[in-house]
């Protein structure tokens, strides 16, 4: 059994670790409130934009934009991978890496080239290890404060590459925030833009009486085709920004939960070490008493 001094030193070390994990939990909780607020504030705009886009798409001619036309032969698929820059967030990055690896393997089996853009150091390090073709990398964005300009500038690069024929398809891998305990890795196609749902099918709504239903009729100036060509690139920017917000919120939630579990593990370890310390101290006291009794019996004899 370890000495009392060694056990006491371990207890002190675990208590210091507990202070660190508790502080990181509080920091993650503070950042989570800001990230979740930004995500929830952006969702109504994204939903309304999709509703208006669907209404205008109904009025336009089919395949009026090259961003809607799929390539006959897909030989180059650009993958955009979103991960965190730091660890200590449980299986958050592992789930995203596994999802990306599975998707990349599927593409390679089809003999497709897979250039990759990384948001976050963890994904970048994995891509380097796998010797993938890293086209670009963006660090210190996910999990930090960022603006819509990040999504718009990057989205324009993707659109330019797609129109110039550098990429036949563009997909993004990100973490969808569903709850504090549930963040799901998702693969979503950005380009070419898939079929746009009509306005009434954009999101599910509770059934209302016929007299209460109202579907706005959007008057398009200039034409619906011209307006659609302007809105389609913006829909790409919105999807990228939304993915960044979802991943950022998921990271903070995962780190908060991981630090909470670490703090509880520290409590359990302190309890276990304290019990061991008390047993060792009792054993030491018993041995000392036995020595005293033995010495007294020897003197009496």
C-alpha atoms as a PDB file:
ATOM      1  CA  UNK A   1       0.000   0.000   0.000  1.00  0.00           C
ATOM      2  CA  UNK A   2       1.232   3.521  -0.784  1.00  0.00           C
ATOM      3  CA  UNK A   3       2.458   5.700   2.033  1.00  0.00           C
ATOM      4  CA  UNK A   4       0.235   8.343   3.646  1.00  0.00           C
ATOM      5  CA  UNK A   5       2.349  11.100   2.124  1.00  0.00           C
ATOM      6  CA  UNK A   6       1.960   9.670  -1.410  1.00  0.00           C
ATOM      7  CA  UNK A   7      -1.812   9.301  -1.050  1.00  0.00           C
ATOM      8  CA  UNK A   8      -2.141  12.820   0.353  1.00  0.00           C
ATOM      9  CA  UNK A   9      -0.106  14.144  -2.585  1.00  0.00           C
ATOM     10  CA  UNK A  10      -2.405  12.343  -5.057  1.00  0.00           C
ATOM     11  CA  UNK A  11      -5.499  13.801  -3.397  1.00  0.00           C
ATOM     12  CA  UNK A  12      -3.999  17.296  -3.640  1.00  0.00           C
ATOM     13  CA  UNK A  13      -3.212  16.767  -7.343  1.00  0.00           C
ATOM     14  CA  UNK A  14      -6.728  15.537  -8.153  1.00  0.00           C
ATOM     15  CA  UNK A  15      -8.244  18.526  -6.328  1.00  0.00           C
ATOM     16  CA  UNK A  16      -6.167  20.894  -8.481  1.00  0.00           C
ATOM     17  CA  UNK A  17      -7.307  19.039 -11.610  1.00  0.00           C
ATOM     18  CA  UNK A  18     -10.902  19.387 -10.438  1.00  0.00           C
ATOM     19  CA  UNK A  19     -10.448  23.164 -10.127  1.00  0.00           C
ATOM     20  CA  UNK A  20      -9.199  23.283 -13.737  1.00  0.00           C
ATOM     21  CA  UNK A  21     -12.038  21.141 -15.146  1.00  0.00           C
ATOM     22  CA  UNK A  22     -14.631  23.157 -13.227  1.00  0.00           C
ATOM     23  CA  UNK A  23     -13.191  26.422 -14.584  1.00  0.00           C
ATOM     24  CA  UNK A  24     -13.180  25.030 -18.153  1.00  0.00           C
ATOM     25  CA  UNK A  25     -16.788  23.925 -17.678  1.00  0.00           C
ATOM     26  CA  UNK A  26     -17.780  27.461 -16.690  1.00  0.00           C
ATOM     27  CA  UNK A  27     -15.901  28.973 -19.665  1.00  0.00           C
ATOM     28  CA  UNK A  28     -17.537  26.507 -22.066  1.00  0.00           C
ATOM     29  CA  UNK A  29     -20.969  27.295 -20.578  1.00  0.00           C
ATOM     30  CA  UNK A  30     -20.402  31.019 -21.101  1.00  0.00           C
ATOM     31  CA  UNK A  31     -19.299  30.537 -24.714  1.00  0.00           C
ATOM     32  CA  UNK A  32     -22.174  28.139 -25.322  1.00  0.00           C
ATOM     33  CA  UNK A  33     -24.746  30.767 -24.368  1.00  0.00           C
ATOM     34  CA  UNK A  34     -23.323  33.192 -26.940  1.00  0.00           C
ATOM     35  CA  UNK A  35     -22.960  30.587 -29.706  1.00  0.00           C
ATOM     36  CA  UNK A  36     -26.417  29.115 -29.111  1.00  0.00           C
ATOM     37  CA  UNK A  37     -27.954  32.579 -29.074  1.00  0.00           C
ATOM     38  CA  UNK A  38     -26.359  33.408 -32.442  1.00  0.00           C
ATOM     39  CA  UNK A  39     -27.479  30.062 -33.889  1.00  0.00           C
ATOM     40  CA  UNK A  40     -31.077  30.455 -32.701  1.00  0.00           C
ATOM     41  CA  UNK A  41     -31.189  34.058 -33.955  1.00  0.00           C
ATOM     42  CA  UNK A  42     -30.005  33.004 -37.428  1.00  0.00           C
ATOM     43  CA  UNK A  43     -32.407  30.090 -37.892  1.00  0.00           C
ATOM     44  CA  UNK A  44     -35.541  32.208 -38.628  1.00  0.00           C
ATOM     45  CA  UNK A  45     -33.627  34.150 -41.289  1.00  0.00           C
ATOM     46  CA  UNK A  46     -32.378  30.941 -42.930  1.00  0.00           C
ATOM     47  CA  UNK A  47     -35.882  29.445 -42.891  1.00  0.00           C
ATOM     48  CA  UNK A  48     -37.464  32.570 -44.369  1.00  0.00           C
ATOM     49  CA  UNK A  49     -34.774  32.807 -47.028  1.00  0.00           C
ATOM     50  CA  UNK A  50     -35.420  29.183 -48.018  1.00  0.00           C
ATOM     51  CA  UNK A  51     -39.169  29.901 -48.127  1.00  0.00           C
ATOM     52  CA  UNK A  52     -38.743  32.907 -50.444  1.00  0.00           C
ATOM     53  CA  UNK A  53     -36.208  31.005 -52.572  1.00  0.00           C
ATOM     54  CA  UNK A  54     -38.646  28.132 -52.975  1.00  0.00           C
ATOM     55  CA  UNK A  55     -41.429  30.522 -53.999  1.00  0.00           C
ATOM     56  CA  UNK A  56     -39.229  32.186 -56.634  1.00  0.00           C
ATOM     57  CA  UNK A  57     -37.911  28.831 -57.883  1.00  0.00           C
ATOM     58  CA  UNK A  58     -41.523  27.818 -58.579  1.00  0.00           C
ATOM     59  CA  UNK A  59     -41.876  30.769 -60.962  1.00  0.00           C
ATOM     60  CA  UNK A  60     -38.566  30.393 -62.785  1.00  0.00           C
ATOM     61  CA  UNK A  61     -37.654  28.142 -65.640  1.00  0.00           C
ATOM     62  CA  UNK A  62     -35.973  24.814 -64.886  1.00  0.00           C
ATOM     63  CA  UNK A  63     -32.166  24.888 -64.527  1.00  0.00           C
ATOM     64  CA  UNK A  64     -31.836  28.627 -65.142  1.00  0.00           C
ATOM     65  CA  UNK A  65     -28.553  28.723 -63.214  1.00  0.00           C
ATOM     66  CA  UNK A  66     -25.386  26.649 -63.760  1.00  0.00           C
ATOM     67  CA  UNK A  67     -25.298  26.157 -59.968  1.00  0.00           C
ATOM     68  CA  UNK A  68     -28.361  23.903 -60.328  1.00  0.00           C
ATOM     69  CA  UNK A  69     -27.054  21.690 -63.135  1.00  0.00           C
ATOM     70  CA  UNK A  70     -25.355  18.434 -62.011  1.00  0.00           C
ATOM     71  CA  UNK A  71     -22.293  17.238 -63.921  1.00  0.00           C
ATOM     72  CA  UNK A  72     -22.689  14.231 -66.187  1.00  0.00           C
ATOM     73  CA  UNK A  73     -19.503  12.680 -64.812  1.00  0.00           C
ATOM     74  CA  UNK A  74     -18.244  13.325 -61.265  1.00  0.00           C
ATOM     75  CA  UNK A  75     -14.455  13.050 -61.050  1.00  0.00           C
ATOM     76  CA  UNK A  76     -13.583  15.670 -58.417  1.00  0.00           C
ATOM     77  CA  UNK A  77     -15.473  16.182 -55.143  1.00  0.00           C
ATOM     78  CA  UNK A  78     -14.385  18.982 -52.831  1.00  0.00           C
ATOM     79  CA  UNK A  79     -15.014  18.152 -49.154  1.00  0.00           C
ATOM     80  CA  UNK A  80     -15.255  20.956 -46.577  1.00  0.00           C
ATOM     81  CA  UNK A  81     -14.540  19.569 -43.098  1.00  0.00           C
ATOM     82  CA  UNK A  82     -15.487  21.408 -39.894  1.00  0.00           C
ATOM     83  CA  UNK A  83     -13.842  20.442 -36.593  1.00  0.00           C
ATOM     84  CA  UNK A  84     -12.577  22.266 -33.525  1.00  0.00           C
ATOM     85  CA  UNK A  85      -9.122  23.754 -33.010  1.00  0.00           C
ATOM     86  CA  UNK A  86      -8.794  22.385 -29.467  1.00  0.00           C
ATOM     87  CA  UNK A  87      -9.450  19.073 -27.793  1.00  0.00           C
ATOM     88  CA  UNK A  88     -10.968  18.216 -24.400  1.00  0.00           C
ATOM     89  CA  UNK A  89     -14.458  17.982 -25.884  1.00  0.00           C
ATOM     90  CA  UNK A  90     -15.138  14.256 -25.624  1.00  0.00           C
ATOM     91  CA  UNK A  91     -15.870  12.405 -28.850  1.00  0.00           C
ATOM     92  CA  UNK A  92     -16.884  15.546 -30.765  1.00  0.00           C
ATOM     93  CA  UNK A  93     -13.922  15.595 -33.182  1.00  0.00           C
ATOM     94  CA  UNK A  94     -13.721  11.808 -33.395  1.00  0.00           C
ATOM     95  CA  UNK A  95     -17.317  11.620 -34.637  1.00  0.00           C
ATOM     96  CA  UNK A  96     -16.668  14.267 -37.323  1.00  0.00           C
ATOM     97  CA  UNK A  97     -13.423  12.605 -38.414  1.00  0.00           C
ATOM     98  CA  UNK A  98     -15.084   9.171 -38.614  1.00  0.00           C
ATOM     99  CA  UNK A  99     -17.933  10.615 -40.697  1.00  0.00           C
ATOM    100  CA  UNK A 100     -15.499  12.343 -43.064  1.00  0.00           C
ATOM    101  CA  UNK A 101     -13.294   9.264 -43.338  1.00  0.00           C
ATOM    102  CA  UNK A 102     -16.283   7.113 -44.226  1.00  0.00           C
ATOM    103  CA  UNK A 103     -17.407   9.600 -46.899  1.00  0.00           C
ATOM    104  CA  UNK A 104     -13.888   9.984 -48.357  1.00  0.00           C
ATOM    105  CA  UNK A 105     -13.435   6.210 -48.552  1.00  0.00           C
ATOM    106  CA  UNK A 106     -16.735   5.925 -50.399  1.00  0.00           C
ATOM    107  CA  UNK A 107     -15.585   8.548 -52.924  1.00  0.00           C
ATOM    108  CA  UNK A 108     -12.173   6.904 -53.391  1.00  0.00           C
ATOM    109  CA  UNK A 109     -13.846   3.570 -54.101  1.00  0.00           C
ATOM    110  CA  UNK A 110     -15.593   5.351 -56.982  1.00  0.00           C
ATOM    111  CA  UNK A 111     -12.163   6.583 -58.183  1.00  0.00           C
ATOM    112  CA  UNK A 112     -12.987  10.203 -57.410  1.00  0.00           C
ATOM    113  CA  UNK A 113     -10.362  12.821 -56.484  1.00  0.00           C
ATOM    114  CA  UNK A 114     -11.050  14.329 -53.057  1.00  0.00           C
ATOM    115  CA  UNK A 115      -9.487  17.743 -52.349  1.00  0.00           C
ATOM    116  CA  UNK A 116     -10.324  18.977 -48.859  1.00  0.00           C
ATOM    117  CA  UNK A 117     -10.663  22.284 -47.014  1.00  0.00           C
ATOM    118  CA  UNK A 118     -10.298  22.207 -43.227  1.00  0.00           C
ATOM    119  CA  UNK A 119     -11.899  24.475 -40.665  1.00  0.00           C
ATOM    120  CA  UNK A 120     -10.104  23.585 -37.418  1.00  0.00           C
ATOM    121  CA  UNK A 121      -6.732  22.104 -36.449  1.00  0.00           C
ATOM    122  CA  UNK A 122      -8.063  18.673 -35.498  1.00  0.00           C
ATOM    123  CA  UNK A 123      -9.437  18.009 -38.970  1.00  0.00           C
ATOM    124  CA  UNK A 124      -6.328  19.517 -40.564  1.00  0.00           C
ATOM    125  CA  UNK A 125      -4.051  17.214 -38.552  1.00  0.00           C
ATOM    126  CA  UNK A 126      -6.133  14.190 -39.540  1.00  0.00           C
ATOM    127  CA  UNK A 127      -6.056  15.167 -43.235  1.00  0.00           C
ATOM    128  CA  UNK A 128      -2.265  15.549 -43.063  1.00  0.00           C
ATOM    129  CA  UNK A 129      -1.932  12.143 -41.437  1.00  0.00           C
ATOM    130  CA  UNK A 130      -4.072  10.575 -44.173  1.00  0.00           C
ATOM    131  CA  UNK A 131      -2.034  12.475 -46.825  1.00  0.00           C
ATOM    132  CA  UNK A 132      -5.109  14.056 -48.378  1.00  0.00           C
ATOM    133  CA  UNK A 133      -4.941  16.982 -50.780  1.00  0.00           C
ATOM    134  CA  UNK A 134      -5.528  19.989 -48.488  1.00  0.00           C
ATOM    135  CA  UNK A 135      -6.622  22.884 -50.692  1.00  0.00           C
ATOM    136  CA  UNK A 136      -7.093  25.431 -47.909  1.00  0.00           C
ATOM    137  CA  UNK A 137      -7.319  25.675 -44.128  1.00  0.00           C
ATOM    138  CA  UNK A 138      -9.060  28.080 -41.764  1.00  0.00           C
ATOM    139  CA  UNK A 139      -7.912  28.022 -38.152  1.00  0.00           C
ATOM    140  CA  UNK A 140      -9.238  29.703 -35.003  1.00  0.00           C
ATOM    141  CA  UNK A 141     -12.713  30.246 -36.487  1.00  0.00           C
ATOM    142  CA  UNK A 142     -14.887  27.380 -35.227  1.00  0.00           C
ATOM    143  CA  UNK A 143     -15.525  27.919 -31.538  1.00  0.00           C
ATOM    144  CA  UNK A 144     -14.549  31.603 -31.747  1.00  0.00           C
ATOM    145  CA  UNK A 145     -16.426  34.723 -32.773  1.00  0.00           C
ATOM    146  CA  UNK A 146     -16.813  35.021 -36.546  1.00  0.00           C
ATOM    147  CA  UNK A 147     -18.968  37.022 -38.922  1.00  0.00           C
ATOM    148  CA  UNK A 148     -20.952  36.293 -42.058  1.00  0.00           C
ATOM    149  CA  UNK A 149     -18.024  37.593 -44.142  1.00  0.00           C
ATOM    150  CA  UNK A 150     -16.122  34.360 -43.430  1.00  0.00           C
ATOM    151  CA  UNK A 151     -18.909  32.301 -45.008  1.00  0.00           C
ATOM    152  CA  UNK A 152     -19.482  34.662 -47.946  1.00  0.00           C
ATOM    153  CA  UNK A 153     -15.811  34.925 -48.952  1.00  0.00           C
ATOM    154  CA  UNK A 154     -15.255  31.178 -48.663  1.00  0.00           C
ATOM    155  CA  UNK A 155     -18.555  30.400 -50.376  1.00  0.00           C
ATOM    156  CA  UNK A 156     -17.578  32.584 -53.341  1.00  0.00           C
ATOM    157  CA  UNK A 157     -14.328  30.600 -53.685  1.00  0.00           C
ATOM    158  CA  UNK A 158     -16.320  27.372 -53.856  1.00  0.00           C
ATOM    159  CA  UNK A 159     -18.726  28.815 -56.423  1.00  0.00           C
ATOM    160  CA  UNK A 160     -15.867  30.092 -58.592  1.00  0.00           C
ATOM    161  CA  UNK A 161     -14.135  26.701 -58.430  1.00  0.00           C
ATOM    162  CA  UNK A 162     -17.352  24.906 -59.361  1.00  0.00           C
ATOM    163  CA  UNK A 163     -18.129  27.207 -62.300  1.00  0.00           C
ATOM    164  CA  UNK A 164     -14.553  26.953 -63.592  1.00  0.00           C
ATOM    165  CA  UNK A 165     -14.746  23.164 -63.513  1.00  0.00           C
ATOM    166  CA  UNK A 166     -12.251  22.608 -60.689  1.00  0.00           C
ATOM    167  CA  UNK A 167     -14.885  20.703 -58.702  1.00  0.00           C
ATOM    168  CA  UNK A 168     -17.799  18.606 -59.915  1.00  0.00           C
ATOM    169  CA  UNK A 169     -19.425  18.569 -56.480  1.00  0.00           C
ATOM    170  CA  UNK A 170     -18.905  20.253 -53.110  1.00  0.00           C
ATOM    171  CA  UNK A 171     -19.941  18.657 -49.805  1.00  0.00           C
ATOM    172  CA  UNK A 172     -19.633  19.943 -46.253  1.00  0.00           C
ATOM    173  CA  UNK A 173     -19.197  17.848 -43.101  1.00  0.00           C
ATOM    174  CA  UNK A 174     -20.342  19.567 -39.906  1.00  0.00           C
ATOM    175  CA  UNK A 175     -21.928  18.850 -36.536  1.00  0.00           C
ATOM    176  CA  UNK A 176     -25.665  19.458 -36.222  1.00  0.00           C
ATOM    177  CA  UNK A 177     -26.682  20.697 -32.765  1.00  0.00           C
ATOM    178  CA  UNK A 178     -29.867  18.982 -31.578  1.00  0.00           C
ATOM    179  CA  UNK A 179     -29.517  19.173 -27.813  1.00  0.00           C
ATOM    180  CA  UNK A 180     -26.931  19.508 -25.062  1.00  0.00           C
ATOM    181  CA  UNK A 181     -26.377  15.753 -25.126  1.00  0.00           C
ATOM    182  CA  UNK A 182     -26.843  15.131 -28.846  1.00  0.00           C
ATOM    183  CA  UNK A 183     -24.648  16.510 -31.649  1.00  0.00           C
ATOM    184  CA  UNK A 184     -24.849  14.614 -34.940  1.00  0.00           C
ATOM    185  CA  UNK A 185     -22.169  14.690 -37.707  1.00  0.00           C
ATOM    186  CA  UNK A 186     -23.816  15.489 -41.052  1.00  0.00           C
ATOM    187  CA  UNK A 187     -22.673  15.381 -44.691  1.00  0.00           C
ATOM    188  CA  UNK A 188     -24.507  17.912 -46.861  1.00  0.00           C
ATOM    189  CA  UNK A 189     -24.165  18.725 -50.557  1.00  0.00           C
ATOM    190  CA  UNK A 190     -23.555  22.399 -51.321  1.00  0.00           C
ATOM    191  CA  UNK A 191     -22.908  22.299 -55.065  1.00  0.00           C
ATOM    192  CA  UNK A 192     -24.595  21.707 -57.376  1.00  0.00           C
ATOM    193  CA  UNK A 193     -27.592  22.989 -55.451  1.00  0.00           C
ATOM    194  CA  UNK A 194     -30.142  20.221 -55.050  1.00  0.00           C
ATOM    195  CA  UNK A 195     -33.832  20.607 -55.881  1.00  0.00           C
ATOM    196  CA  UNK A 196     -35.369  23.597 -54.096  1.00  0.00           C
ATOM    197  CA  UNK A 197     -38.567  22.809 -52.217  1.00  0.00           C
ATOM    198  CA  UNK A 198     -41.654  24.956 -52.871  1.00  0.00           C
ATOM    199  CA  UNK A 199     -42.372  27.579 -50.240  1.00  0.00           C
ATOM    200  CA  UNK A 200     -45.147  25.601 -48.544  1.00  0.00           C
ATOM    201  CA  UNK A 201     -42.834  22.561 -48.141  1.00  0.00           C
ATOM    202  CA  UNK A 202     -39.792  24.346 -46.711  1.00  0.00           C
ATOM    203  CA  UNK A 203     -40.615  23.519 -43.107  1.00  0.00           C
ATOM    204  CA  UNK A 204     -43.292  21.512 -41.419  1.00  0.00           C
ATOM    205  CA  UNK A 205     -45.988  23.547 -39.747  1.00  0.00           C
ATOM    206  CA  UNK A 206     -48.998  22.485 -37.688  1.00  0.00           C
ATOM    207  CA  UNK A 207     -52.142  22.087 -39.733  1.00  0.00           C
ATOM    208  CA  UNK A 208     -54.231  25.247 -39.590  1.00  0.00           C
ATOM    209  CA  UNK A 209     -57.829  25.886 -40.653  1.00  0.00           C
ATOM    210  CA  UNK A 210     -58.148  26.789 -44.327  1.00  0.00           C
ATOM    211  CA  UNK A 211     -59.302  30.305 -43.424  1.00  0.00           C
ATOM    212  CA  UNK A 212     -56.084  30.962 -41.439  1.00  0.00           C
ATOM    213  CA  UNK A 213     -53.641  29.827 -44.115  1.00  0.00           C
ATOM    214  CA  UNK A 214     -51.781  32.478 -46.026  1.00  0.00           C
ATOM    215  CA  UNK A 215     -49.001  31.917 -48.518  1.00  0.00           C
ATOM    216  CA  UNK A 216     -47.390  35.186 -49.619  1.00  0.00           C
ATOM    217  CA  UNK A 217     -47.173  35.843 -53.330  1.00  0.00           C
ATOM    218  CA  UNK A 218     -43.779  37.399 -54.016  1.00  0.00           C
ATOM    219  CA  UNK A 219     -43.667  39.947 -56.813  1.00  0.00           C
ATOM    220  CA  UNK A 220     -40.341  39.618 -58.600  1.00  0.00           C
ATOM    221  CA  UNK A 221     -38.515  42.619 -60.026  1.00  0.00           C
ATOM    222  CA  UNK A 222     -36.542  41.921 -62.144  1.00  0.00           C
ATOM    223  CA  UNK A 223     -37.728  38.516 -63.389  1.00  0.00           C
ATOM    224  CA  UNK A 224     -37.799  35.407 -61.247  1.00  0.00           C
ATOM    225  CA  UNK A 225     -34.906  33.935 -63.251  1.00  0.00           C
ATOM    226  CA  UNK A 226     -32.687  36.977 -62.692  1.00  0.00           C
ATOM    227  CA  UNK A 227     -33.583  37.113 -59.023  1.00  0.00           C
ATOM    228  CA  UNK A 228     -32.914  33.403 -58.598  1.00  0.00           C
ATOM    229  CA  UNK A 229     -29.430  33.781 -60.063  1.00  0.00           C
ATOM    230  CA  UNK A 230     -28.723  36.429 -57.425  1.00  0.00           C
ATOM    231  CA  UNK A 231     -30.183  34.465 -54.520  1.00  0.00           C
ATOM    232  CA  UNK A 232     -28.603  31.085 -55.250  1.00  0.00           C
ATOM    233  CA  UNK A 233     -25.032  32.154 -54.315  1.00  0.00           C
ATOM    234  CA  UNK A 234     -26.388  33.734 -51.141  1.00  0.00           C
ATOM    235  CA  UNK A 235     -28.052  30.442 -50.252  1.00  0.00           C
ATOM    236  CA  UNK A 236     -24.584  28.828 -50.342  1.00  0.00           C
ATOM    237  CA  UNK A 237     -23.219  31.496 -47.989  1.00  0.00           C
ATOM    238  CA  UNK A 238     -26.152  30.962 -45.639  1.00  0.00           C
ATOM    239  CA  UNK A 239     -25.654  27.192 -45.558  1.00  0.00           C
ATOM    240  CA  UNK A 240     -21.938  27.572 -44.778  1.00  0.00           C
ATOM    241  CA  UNK A 241     -22.586  30.151 -42.060  1.00  0.00           C
ATOM    242  CA  UNK A 242     -25.316  27.974 -40.589  1.00  0.00           C
ATOM    243  CA  UNK A 243     -22.937  24.963 -40.543  1.00  0.00           C
ATOM    244  CA  UNK A 244     -20.282  27.057 -38.770  1.00  0.00           C
ATOM    245  CA  UNK A 245     -22.794  28.189 -36.133  1.00  0.00           C
ATOM    246  CA  UNK A 246     -24.074  24.652 -35.591  1.00  0.00           C
ATOM    247  CA  UNK A 247     -20.547  23.226 -35.260  1.00  0.00           C
ATOM    248  CA  UNK A 248     -19.408  26.002 -32.934  1.00  0.00           C
ATOM    249  CA  UNK A 249     -22.413  25.472 -30.652  1.00  0.00           C
ATOM    250  CA  UNK A 250     -21.894  21.704 -30.730  1.00  0.00           C
ATOM    251  CA  UNK A 251     -18.230  22.088 -29.761  1.00  0.00           C
ATOM    252  CA  UNK A 252     -19.003  24.200 -26.694  1.00  0.00           C
ATOM    253  CA  UNK A 253     -21.798  21.828 -25.641  1.00  0.00           C
ATOM    254  CA  UNK A 254     -19.516  18.800 -26.038  1.00  0.00           C
ATOM    255  CA  UNK A 255     -16.696  20.474 -24.083  1.00  0.00           C
ATOM    256  CA  UNK A 256     -19.077  21.546 -21.322  1.00  0.00           C
ATOM    257  CA  UNK A 257     -20.385  18.001 -20.980  1.00  0.00           C
ATOM    258  CA  UNK A 258     -16.856  16.511 -21.101  1.00  0.00           C
ATOM    259  CA  UNK A 259     -15.596  18.875 -18.386  1.00  0.00           C
ATOM    260  CA  UNK A 260     -18.663  18.150 -16.264  1.00  0.00           C
ATOM    261  CA  UNK A 261     -17.942  14.409 -16.541  1.00  0.00           C
ATOM    262  CA  UNK A 262     -14.268  15.042 -15.726  1.00  0.00           C
ATOM    263  CA  UNK A 263     -15.234  17.023 -12.617  1.00  0.00           C
ATOM    264  CA  UNK A 264     -17.497  14.186 -11.456  1.00  0.00           C
ATOM    265  CA  UNK A 265     -14.689  11.703 -12.115  1.00  0.00           C
ATOM    266  CA  UNK A 266     -12.386  13.838  -9.959  1.00  0.00           C
ATOM    267  CA  UNK A 267     -14.956  13.748  -7.145  1.00  0.00           C
ATOM    268  CA  UNK A 268     -15.142   9.955  -7.383  1.00  0.00           C
ATOM    269  CA  UNK A 269     -11.351   9.685  -7.401  1.00  0.00           C
ATOM    270  CA  UNK A 270     -11.037  11.984  -4.369  1.00  0.00           C
ATOM    271  CA  UNK A 271     -13.577   9.870  -2.473  1.00  0.00           C
ATOM    272  CA  UNK A 272     -11.693   6.687  -3.376  1.00  0.00           C
ATOM    273  CA  UNK A 273      -8.299   8.136  -2.416  1.00  0.00           C
ATOM    274  CA  UNK A 274      -9.704   9.543   0.834  1.00  0.00           C
ATOM    275  CA  UNK A 275     -11.020   6.087   1.740  1.00  0.00           C
ATOM    276  CA  UNK A 276      -7.619   4.584   0.924  1.00  0.00           C
ATOM    277  CA  UNK A 277      -5.922   7.301   2.993  1.00  0.00           C
ATOM    278  CA  UNK A 278      -8.160   6.593   5.998  1.00  0.00           C
ATOM    279  CA  UNK A 279      -7.517   2.845   5.734  1.00  0.00           C
ATOM    280  CA  UNK A 280      -3.758   3.428   5.527  1.00  0.00           C
ATOM    281  CA  UNK A 281      -3.858   5.785   8.488  1.00  0.00           C
ATOM    282  CA  UNK A 282      -5.899   3.311  10.545  1.00  0.00           C
ATOM    283  CA  UNK A 283      -3.465   0.559   9.650  1.00  0.00           C
ATOM    284  CA  UNK A 284      -0.560   2.762  10.716  1.00  0.00           C
ATOM    285  CA  UNK A 285      -2.234   3.584  14.030  1.00  0.00           C
ATOM    286  CA  UNK A 286      -2.958  -0.109  14.626  1.00  0.00           C
ATOM    287  CA  UNK A 287       0.668  -1.029  13.956  1.00  0.00           C
ATOM    288  CA  UNK A 288       1.883   1.662  16.355  1.00  0.00           C
ATOM    289  CA  UNK A 289      -0.507   0.442  19.074  1.00  0.00           C
ATOM    290  CA  UNK A 290       0.684  -3.108  18.560  1.00  0.00           C
ATOM    291  CA  UNK A 291       4.295  -1.957  18.941  1.00  0.00           C
ATOM    292  CA  UNK A 292       3.427  -0.115  22.170  1.00  0.00           C
ATOM    293  CA  UNK A 293       1.517  -3.100  23.593  1.00  0.00           C
ATOM    294  CA  UNK A 294       4.318  -5.456  22.589  1.00  0.00           C
ATOM    295  CA  UNK A 295       6.937  -3.259  24.235  1.00  0.00           C
ATOM    296  CA  UNK A 296       4.864  -2.987  27.419  1.00  0.00           C
ATOM    297  CA  UNK A 297       4.455  -6.770  27.584  1.00  0.00           C
ATOM    298  CA  UNK A 298       8.204  -7.224  27.076  1.00  0.00           C
ATOM    299  CA  UNK A 299       9.013  -4.842  29.956  1.00  0.00           C
ATOM    300  CA  UNK A 300       6.466  -6.556  32.209  1.00  0.00           C
ATOM    301  CA  UNK A 301       7.969  -9.976  31.461  1.00  0.00           C
END
